[in-house]
């Protein structure tokens, strides 16, 4: 299986489908690797892009 890098885009909404109006922490877990990136304090009202995500 080949691995590639990708971009994860997130649009975060509350239970009423409104954009979040607070900061968020994103914790990613790769079940096959030991790389578990954490990004803290992102503006949840904007589209978030997390780069260098490994796709296998």
PDB file of N, CA and C in Angstrom:
ATOM      1  N   UNK A   1       0.837  -1.169   0.000  1.00  0.00           N
ATOM      2  CA  UNK A   1       0.000   0.000   0.000  1.00  0.00           C
ATOM      3  C   UNK A   1       0.888   1.240   0.000  1.00  0.00           C
ATOM      4  N   UNK A   2       0.626   2.176  -0.885  1.00  0.00           N
ATOM      5  CA  UNK A   2       1.422   3.399  -0.934  1.00  0.00           C
ATOM      6  C   UNK A   2       0.816   4.453  -0.024  1.00  0.00           C
ATOM      7  N   UNK A   3       1.680   5.308   0.486  1.00  0.00           N
ATOM      8  CA  UNK A   3       1.211   6.405   1.344  1.00  0.00           C
ATOM      9  C   UNK A   3       1.379   7.721   0.616  1.00  0.00           C
ATOM     10  N   UNK A   4       0.430   8.618   0.794  1.00  0.00           N
ATOM     11  CA  UNK A   4       0.459   9.951   0.205  1.00  0.00           C
ATOM     12  C   UNK A   4       0.114  10.950   1.300  1.00  0.00           C
ATOM     13  N   UNK A   5       0.441  12.205   1.034  1.00  0.00           N
ATOM     14  CA  UNK A   5       0.047  13.253   1.966  1.00  0.00           C
ATOM     15  C   UNK A   5      -1.227  13.904   1.472  1.00  0.00           C
ATOM     16  N   UNK A   6      -2.095  14.241   2.390  1.00  0.00           N
ATOM     17  CA  UNK A   6      -3.358  14.875   2.039  1.00  0.00           C
ATOM     18  C   UNK A   6      -3.630  16.066   2.928  1.00  0.00           C
ATOM     19  N   UNK A   7      -4.770  16.677   2.687  1.00  0.00           N
ATOM     20  CA  UNK A   7      -5.229  17.819   3.487  1.00  0.00           C
ATOM     21  C   UNK A   7      -6.593  17.469   4.058  1.00  0.00           C
ATOM     22  N   UNK A   8      -6.735  17.610   5.352  1.00  0.00           N
ATOM     23  CA  UNK A   8      -8.005  17.391   6.026  1.00  0.00           C
ATOM     24  C   UNK A   8      -8.665  18.748   6.224  1.00  0.00           C
ATOM     25  N   UNK A   9      -9.863  18.930   5.662  1.00  0.00           N
ATOM     26  CA  UNK A   9     -10.601  20.179   5.827  1.00  0.00           C
ATOM     27  C   UNK A   9     -11.797  19.918   6.729  1.00  0.00           C
ATOM     28  N   UNK A  10     -11.970  20.786   7.715  1.00  0.00           N
ATOM     29  CA  UNK A  10     -13.055  20.634   8.679  1.00  0.00           C
ATOM     30  C   UNK A  10     -13.892  21.906   8.749  1.00  0.00           C
ATOM     31  N   UNK A  11     -15.197  21.756   8.647  1.00  0.00           N
ATOM     32  CA  UNK A  11     -16.152  22.817   8.928  1.00  0.00           C
ATOM     33  C   UNK A  11     -16.919  22.365  10.166  1.00  0.00           C
ATOM     34  N   UNK A  12     -16.790  23.084  11.259  1.00  0.00           N
ATOM     35  CA  UNK A  12     -17.354  22.656  12.534  1.00  0.00           C
ATOM     36  C   UNK A  12     -18.651  23.403  12.830  1.00  0.00           C
ATOM     37  N   UNK A  13     -19.679  22.649  13.224  1.00  0.00           N
ATOM     38  CA  UNK A  13     -20.996  23.213  13.501  1.00  0.00           C
ATOM     39  C   UNK A  13     -21.516  22.688  14.835  1.00  0.00           C
ATOM     40  N   UNK A  14     -22.405  23.464  15.449  1.00  0.00           N
ATOM     41  CA  UNK A  14     -23.037  23.019  16.687  1.00  0.00           C
ATOM     42  C   UNK A  14     -24.266  22.165  16.353  1.00  0.00           C
ATOM     43  N   UNK A  15     -25.030  21.793  17.345  1.00  0.00           N
ATOM     44  CA  UNK A  15     -26.199  20.926  17.158  1.00  0.00           C
ATOM     45  C   UNK A  15     -27.294  21.582  16.327  1.00  0.00           C
ATOM     46  N   UNK A  16     -27.249  22.909  16.179  1.00  0.00           N
ATOM     47  CA  UNK A  16     -28.246  23.640  15.390  1.00  0.00           C
ATOM     48  C   UNK A  16     -27.721  23.994  14.001  1.00  0.00           C
ATOM     49  N   UNK A  17     -26.614  23.367  13.600  1.00  0.00           N
ATOM     50  CA  UNK A  17     -25.963  23.583  12.305  1.00  0.00           C
ATOM     51  C   UNK A  17     -25.411  24.994  12.123  1.00  0.00           C
ATOM     52  N   UNK A  18     -25.158  25.689  13.219  1.00  0.00           N
ATOM     53  CA  UNK A  18     -24.521  27.000  13.188  1.00  0.00           C
ATOM     54  C   UNK A  18     -23.014  26.802  13.369  1.00  0.00           C
ATOM     55  N   UNK A  19     -22.200  27.634  12.721  1.00  0.00           N
ATOM     56  CA  UNK A  19     -20.750  27.521  12.929  1.00  0.00           C
ATOM     57  C   UNK A  19     -20.395  27.709  14.406  1.00  0.00           C
ATOM     58  N   UNK A  20     -19.415  26.947  14.862  1.00  0.00           N
ATOM     59  CA  UNK A  20     -18.958  27.100  16.244  1.00  0.00           C
ATOM     60  C   UNK A  20     -18.389  28.500  16.441  1.00  0.00           C
ATOM     61  N   UNK A  21     -18.604  29.067  17.583  1.00  0.00           N
ATOM     62  CA  UNK A  21     -18.093  30.409  17.878  1.00  0.00           C
ATOM     63  C   UNK A  21     -17.137  30.366  19.060  1.00  0.00           C
ATOM     64  N   UNK A  22     -16.263  29.373  19.006  1.00  0.00           N
ATOM     65  CA  UNK A  22     -15.278  29.235  20.072  1.00  0.00           C
ATOM     66  C   UNK A  22     -14.039  28.557  19.513  1.00  0.00           C
ATOM     67  N   UNK A  23     -12.970  28.613  20.271  1.00  0.00           N
ATOM     68  CA  UNK A  23     -11.746  27.934  19.869  1.00  0.00           C
ATOM     69  C   UNK A  23     -11.878  26.442  20.109  1.00  0.00           C
ATOM     70  N   UNK A  24     -11.180  25.672  19.281  1.00  0.00           N
ATOM     71  CA  UNK A  24     -11.251  24.216  19.385  1.00  0.00           C
ATOM     72  C   UNK A  24      -9.844  23.632  19.410  1.00  0.00           C
ATOM     73  N   UNK A  25      -9.739  22.436  19.956  1.00  0.00           N
ATOM     74  CA  UNK A  25      -8.515  21.644  19.917  1.00  0.00           C
ATOM     75  C   UNK A  25      -8.786  20.430  19.039  1.00  0.00           C
ATOM     76  N   UNK A  26      -7.854  20.105  18.149  1.00  0.00           N
ATOM     77  CA  UNK A  26      -7.981  18.957  17.264  1.00  0.00           C
ATOM     78  C   UNK A  26      -6.890  17.964  17.638  1.00  0.00           C
ATOM     79  N   UNK A  27      -7.292  16.736  17.947  1.00  0.00           N
ATOM     80  CA  UNK A  27      -6.359  15.672  18.268  1.00  0.00           C
ATOM     81  C   UNK A  27      -6.577  14.559  17.252  1.00  0.00           C
ATOM     82  N   UNK A  28      -5.526  14.208  16.521  1.00  0.00           N
ATOM     83  CA  UNK A  28      -5.613  13.157  15.515  1.00  0.00           C
ATOM     84  C   UNK A  28      -4.861  11.937  16.014  1.00  0.00           C
ATOM     85  N   UNK A  29      -5.366  10.773  15.662  1.00  0.00           N
ATOM     86  CA  UNK A  29      -4.719   9.532  16.083  1.00  0.00           C
ATOM     87  C   UNK A  29      -4.551   8.636  14.878  1.00  0.00           C
ATOM     88  N   UNK A  30      -3.326   8.258  14.608  1.00  0.00           N
ATOM     89  CA  UNK A  30      -3.026   7.322  13.541  1.00  0.00           C
ATOM     90  C   UNK A  30      -2.853   5.940  14.163  1.00  0.00           C
ATOM     91  N   UNK A  31      -3.704   5.013  13.793  1.00  0.00           N
ATOM     92  CA  UNK A  31      -3.673   3.691  14.409  1.00  0.00           C
ATOM     93  C   UNK A  31      -2.475   2.864  13.967  1.00  0.00           C
ATOM     94  N   UNK A  32      -1.848   3.242  12.843  1.00  0.00           N
ATOM     95  CA  UNK A  32      -0.721   2.470  12.350  1.00  0.00           C
ATOM     96  C   UNK A  32       0.629   3.062  12.690  1.00  0.00           C
ATOM     97  N   UNK A  33       0.673   4.324  13.029  1.00  0.00           N
ATOM     98  CA  UNK A  33       1.930   5.001  13.327  1.00  0.00           C
ATOM     99  C   UNK A  33       1.900   5.572  14.735  1.00  0.00           C
ATOM    100  N   UNK A  34       3.037   6.078  15.170  1.00  0.00           N
ATOM    101  CA  UNK A  34       3.087   6.708  16.494  1.00  0.00           C
ATOM    102  C   UNK A  34       2.880   8.206  16.408  1.00  0.00           C
ATOM    103  N   UNK A  35       2.636   8.728  15.202  1.00  0.00           N
ATOM    104  CA  UNK A  35       2.428  10.162  15.015  1.00  0.00           C
ATOM    105  C   UNK A  35       0.991  10.514  15.384  1.00  0.00           C
ATOM    106  N   UNK A  36       0.808  11.283  16.440  1.00  0.00           N
ATOM    107  CA  UNK A  36      -0.508  11.709  16.911  1.00  0.00           C
ATOM    108  C   UNK A  36      -0.510  13.223  17.073  1.00  0.00           C
ATOM    109  N   UNK A  37      -0.671  13.950  15.945  1.00  0.00           N
ATOM    110  CA  UNK A  37      -0.596  15.411  16.028  1.00  0.00           C
ATOM    111  C   UNK A  37      -1.736  16.029  16.838  1.00  0.00           C
ATOM    112  N   UNK A  38      -1.425  17.124  17.506  1.00  0.00           N
ATOM    113  CA  UNK A  38      -2.391  17.887  18.289  1.00  0.00           C
ATOM    114  C   UNK A  38      -2.259  19.352  17.880  1.00  0.00           C
ATOM    115  N   UNK A  39      -3.392  19.969  17.565  1.00  0.00           N
ATOM    116  CA  UNK A  39      -3.427  21.386  17.229  1.00  0.00           C
ATOM    117  C   UNK A  39      -4.413  22.034  18.188  1.00  0.00           C
ATOM    118  N   UNK A  40      -3.993  23.076  18.891  1.00  0.00           N
ATOM    119  CA  UNK A  40      -4.841  23.674  19.921  1.00  0.00           C
ATOM    120  C   UNK A  40      -5.165  25.135  19.619  1.00  0.00           C
ATOM    121  N   UNK A  41      -6.332  25.553  20.079  1.00  0.00           N
ATOM    122  CA  UNK A  41      -6.706  26.957  20.021  1.00  0.00           C
ATOM    123  C   UNK A  41      -7.092  27.476  18.649  1.00  0.00           C
ATOM    124  N   UNK A  42      -7.617  26.610  17.783  1.00  0.00           N
ATOM    125  CA  UNK A  42      -8.032  27.047  16.456  1.00  0.00           C
ATOM    126  C   UNK A  42      -9.409  27.699  16.513  1.00  0.00           C
ATOM    127  N   UNK A  43      -9.638  28.654  15.631  1.00  0.00           N
ATOM    128  CA  UNK A  43     -10.925  29.342  15.546  1.00  0.00           C
ATOM    129  C   UNK A  43     -11.942  28.401  14.904  1.00  0.00           C
ATOM    130  N   UNK A  44     -12.891  27.905  15.676  1.00  0.00           N
ATOM    131  CA  UNK A  44     -13.875  26.937  15.199  1.00  0.00           C
ATOM    132  C   UNK A  44     -14.904  27.508  14.247  1.00  0.00           C
ATOM    133  N   UNK A  45     -14.953  28.826  14.070  1.00  0.00           N
ATOM    134  CA  UNK A  45     -15.934  29.420  13.164  1.00  0.00           C
ATOM    135  C   UNK A  45     -15.444  29.442  11.720  1.00  0.00           C
ATOM    136  N   UNK A  46     -14.171  29.141  11.496  1.00  0.00           N
ATOM    137  CA  UNK A  46     -13.594  29.161  10.153  1.00  0.00           C
ATOM    138  C   UNK A  46     -13.317  27.737   9.675  1.00  0.00           C
ATOM    139  N   UNK A  47     -13.211  27.579   8.349  1.00  0.00           N
ATOM    140  CA  UNK A  47     -12.823  26.275   7.799  1.00  0.00           C
ATOM    141  C   UNK A  47     -11.383  25.991   8.222  1.00  0.00           C
ATOM    142  N   UNK A  48     -11.165  24.835   8.791  1.00  0.00           N
ATOM    143  CA  UNK A  48      -9.840  24.447   9.254  1.00  0.00           C
ATOM    144  C   UNK A  48      -9.200  23.534   8.230  1.00  0.00           C
ATOM    145  N   UNK A  49      -7.915  23.730   7.965  1.00  0.00           N
ATOM    146  CA  UNK A  49      -7.164  22.860   7.084  1.00  0.00           C
ATOM    147  C   UNK A  49      -5.961  22.325   7.839  1.00  0.00           C
ATOM    148  N   UNK A  50      -5.853  21.022   7.894  1.00  0.00           N
ATOM    149  CA  UNK A  50      -4.722  20.366   8.538  1.00  0.00           C
ATOM    150  C   UNK A  50      -3.970  19.654   7.434  1.00  0.00           C
ATOM    151  N   UNK A  51      -2.711  20.033   7.233  1.00  0.00           N
ATOM    152  CA  UNK A  51      -1.920  19.495   6.126  1.00  0.00           C
ATOM    153  C   UNK A  51      -1.025  18.354   6.587  1.00  0.00           C
ATOM    154  N   UNK A  52      -0.435  17.693   5.626  1.00  0.00           N
ATOM    155  CA  UNK A  52       0.515  16.597   5.848  1.00  0.00           C
ATOM    156  C   UNK A  52      -0.138  15.411   6.554  1.00  0.00           C
ATOM    157  N   UNK A  53      -1.411  15.167   6.230  1.00  0.00           N
ATOM    158  CA  UNK A  53      -2.102  13.992   6.756  1.00  0.00           C
ATOM    159  C   UNK A  53      -1.698  12.816   5.889  1.00  0.00           C
ATOM    160  N   UNK A  54      -1.240  11.726   6.503  1.00  0.00           N
ATOM    161  CA  UNK A  54      -0.824  10.554   5.759  1.00  0.00           C
ATOM    162  C   UNK A  54      -2.038   9.728   5.324  1.00  0.00           C
ATOM    163  N   UNK A  55      -2.122   9.462   4.023  1.00  0.00           N
ATOM    164  CA  UNK A  55      -3.207   8.658   3.466  1.00  0.00           C
ATOM    165  C   UNK A  55      -2.589   7.350   2.979  1.00  0.00           C
ATOM    166  N   UNK A  56      -3.133   6.236   3.408  1.00  0.00           N
ATOM    167  CA  UNK A  56      -2.599   4.953   2.936  1.00  0.00           C
ATOM    168  C   UNK A  56      -3.660   4.169   2.213  1.00  0.00           C
TER     169      UNK A  56
END
